[in-house]
Amino acid sequence: MGSLSEGRIDEVIDRLNRERAAEAGKMQCKVCWWVYDPEKGVDEADIEPGVPFNELPDFFTCPVCGNGKESFLPFTDPEASL
């Protein structure tokens, strides 16, 4: 069984995160819980409404805590299950 190099693992993780982001729409920072909503964009970062999370620049950071895109998870609305 072959082993994955650290660079290859990063590529796989990045691909999986992009797939999850595309399915989720909204993404939530796992550090401060701020939610990126592509329908609203981010005024502070000059991100126009309609930009999917996957299309945000690689240097995008959470406007609340400053963590990078790798700190975001697909958002699940707790109200939706009620």
C-alpha atoms as a PDB file:
ATOM      1  CA  MET A   1       0.000   0.000   0.000  1.00  0.00           C
ATOM      2  CA  GLY A   2       1.452   3.364  -1.055  1.00  0.00           C
ATOM      3  CA  SER A   3       1.720   6.334   1.223  1.00  0.00           C
ATOM      4  CA  LEU A   4       0.572   9.842   0.464  1.00  0.00           C
ATOM      5  CA  SER A   5       3.082  12.640   0.670  1.00  0.00           C
ATOM      6  CA  GLU A   6       2.175  15.708   2.718  1.00  0.00           C
ATOM      7  CA  GLY A   7       1.665  17.738  -0.469  1.00  0.00           C
ATOM      8  CA  ARG A   8      -0.613  15.085  -1.936  1.00  0.00           C
ATOM      9  CA  ILE A   9      -2.652  14.913   1.270  1.00  0.00           C
ATOM     10  CA  ASP A  10      -3.107  18.696   1.148  1.00  0.00           C
ATOM     11  CA  GLU A  11      -4.349  18.415  -2.453  1.00  0.00           C
ATOM     12  CA  VAL A  12      -6.872  15.729  -1.519  1.00  0.00           C
ATOM     13  CA  ILE A  13      -8.130  17.703   1.486  1.00  0.00           C
ATOM     14  CA  ASP A  14      -8.434  20.854  -0.629  1.00  0.00           C
ATOM     15  CA  ARG A  15     -10.422  18.980  -3.307  1.00  0.00           C
ATOM     16  CA  LEU A  16     -12.772  17.448  -0.739  1.00  0.00           C
ATOM     17  CA  ASN A  17     -13.319  20.825   0.942  1.00  0.00           C
ATOM     18  CA  ARG A  18     -14.124  22.427  -2.414  1.00  0.00           C
ATOM     19  CA  GLU A  19     -16.659  19.683  -3.184  1.00  0.00           C
ATOM     20  CA  ARG A  20     -18.327  20.125   0.210  1.00  0.00           C
ATOM     21  CA  ALA A  21     -18.390  23.910  -0.194  1.00  0.00           C
ATOM     22  CA  ALA A  22     -20.031  23.643  -3.602  1.00  0.00           C
ATOM     23  CA  GLU A  23     -22.804  21.482  -2.157  1.00  0.00           C
ATOM     24  CA  ALA A  24     -23.336  23.573   0.974  1.00  0.00           C
ATOM     25  CA  GLY A  25     -23.690  27.106  -0.357  1.00  0.00           C
ATOM     26  CA  LYS A  26     -23.183  28.799   3.023  1.00  0.00           C
ATOM     27  CA  MET A  27     -19.960  28.126   4.899  1.00  0.00           C
ATOM     28  CA  GLN A  28     -19.264  28.677   8.595  1.00  0.00           C
ATOM     29  CA  CYS A  29     -15.966  29.544  10.262  1.00  0.00           C
ATOM     30  CA  LYS A  30     -15.207  26.800  12.763  1.00  0.00           C
ATOM     31  CA  VAL A  31     -13.295  29.247  14.976  1.00  0.00           C
ATOM     32  CA  CYS A  32     -15.783  32.102  15.510  1.00  0.00           C
ATOM     33  CA  TRP A  33     -18.935  30.671  13.823  1.00  0.00           C
ATOM     34  CA  TRP A  34     -19.316  33.560  11.332  1.00  0.00           C
ATOM     35  CA  VAL A  35     -21.291  32.412   8.273  1.00  0.00           C
ATOM     36  CA  TYR A  36     -20.321  33.227   4.689  1.00  0.00           C
ATOM     37  CA  ASP A  37     -23.507  33.583   2.643  1.00  0.00           C
ATOM     38  CA  PRO A  38     -22.816  33.786  -1.099  1.00  0.00           C
ATOM     39  CA  GLU A  39     -26.159  35.531  -1.624  1.00  0.00           C
ATOM     40  CA  LYS A  40     -24.953  38.441   0.548  1.00  0.00           C
ATOM     41  CA  GLY A  41     -21.221  38.608  -0.220  1.00  0.00           C
ATOM     42  CA  VAL A  42     -18.848  40.408   2.153  1.00  0.00           C
ATOM     43  CA  ASP A  43     -18.765  44.201   1.980  1.00  0.00           C
ATOM     44  CA  GLU A  44     -15.594  44.483   4.115  1.00  0.00           C
ATOM     45  CA  ALA A  45     -13.683  42.283   1.665  1.00  0.00           C
ATOM     46  CA  ASP A  46     -15.241  43.728  -1.520  1.00  0.00           C
ATOM     47  CA  ILE A  47     -16.856  40.361  -2.282  1.00  0.00           C
ATOM     48  CA  GLU A  48     -19.980  40.958  -4.350  1.00  0.00           C
ATOM     49  CA  PRO A  49     -23.187  38.969  -3.756  1.00  0.00           C
ATOM     50  CA  GLY A  50     -23.371  35.830  -5.860  1.00  0.00           C
ATOM     51  CA  VAL A  51     -19.756  34.673  -5.409  1.00  0.00           C
ATOM     52  CA  PRO A  52     -19.642  30.992  -4.351  1.00  0.00           C
ATOM     53  CA  PHE A  53     -17.231  30.104  -1.553  1.00  0.00           C
ATOM     54  CA  ASN A  54     -15.080  28.097  -3.993  1.00  0.00           C
ATOM     55  CA  GLU A  55     -14.526  31.224  -6.068  1.00  0.00           C
ATOM     56  CA  LEU A  56     -13.307  33.388  -3.188  1.00  0.00           C
ATOM     57  CA  PRO A  57      -9.629  34.303  -3.566  1.00  0.00           C
ATOM     58  CA  ASP A  58      -7.159  31.993  -1.821  1.00  0.00           C
ATOM     59  CA  PHE A  59      -6.149  34.857   0.472  1.00  0.00           C
ATOM     60  CA  PHE A  60      -9.736  35.320   1.758  1.00  0.00           C
ATOM     61  CA  THR A  61      -9.912  35.350   5.542  1.00  0.00           C
ATOM     62  CA  CYS A  62     -12.825  35.395   7.956  1.00  0.00           C
ATOM     63  CA  PRO A  63     -13.749  39.047   8.534  1.00  0.00           C
ATOM     64  CA  VAL A  64     -14.351  38.368  12.241  1.00  0.00           C
ATOM     65  CA  CYS A  65     -11.390  36.256  13.394  1.00  0.00           C
ATOM     66  CA  GLY A  66      -8.974  36.389  10.444  1.00  0.00           C
ATOM     67  CA  ASN A  67      -8.646  32.646   9.837  1.00  0.00           C
ATOM     68  CA  GLY A  68      -8.239  31.367   6.276  1.00  0.00           C
ATOM     69  CA  LYS A  69     -10.613  29.461   4.012  1.00  0.00           C
ATOM     70  CA  GLU A  70      -9.379  26.150   5.428  1.00  0.00           C
ATOM     71  CA  SER A  71     -11.142  27.072   8.683  1.00  0.00           C
ATOM     72  CA  PHE A  72     -14.593  26.943   7.077  1.00  0.00           C
ATOM     73  CA  LEU A  73     -17.071  24.071   7.153  1.00  0.00           C
ATOM     74  CA  PRO A  74     -20.390  23.632   5.355  1.00  0.00           C
ATOM     75  CA  PHE A  75     -23.086  25.495   7.279  1.00  0.00           C
ATOM     76  CA  THR A  76     -26.033  23.541   8.587  1.00  0.00           C
ATOM     77  CA  ASP A  77     -28.938  25.740   9.644  1.00  0.00           C
ATOM     78  CA  PRO A  78     -30.292  24.412  12.968  1.00  0.00           C
ATOM     79  CA  GLU A  79     -33.641  26.133  12.247  1.00  0.00           C
ATOM     80  CA  ALA A  80     -34.091  24.123   9.042  1.00  0.00           C
ATOM     81  CA  SER A  81     -34.566  20.863  10.949  1.00  0.00           C
ATOM     82  CA  LEU A  82     -37.368  22.188  13.158  1.00  0.00           C
END
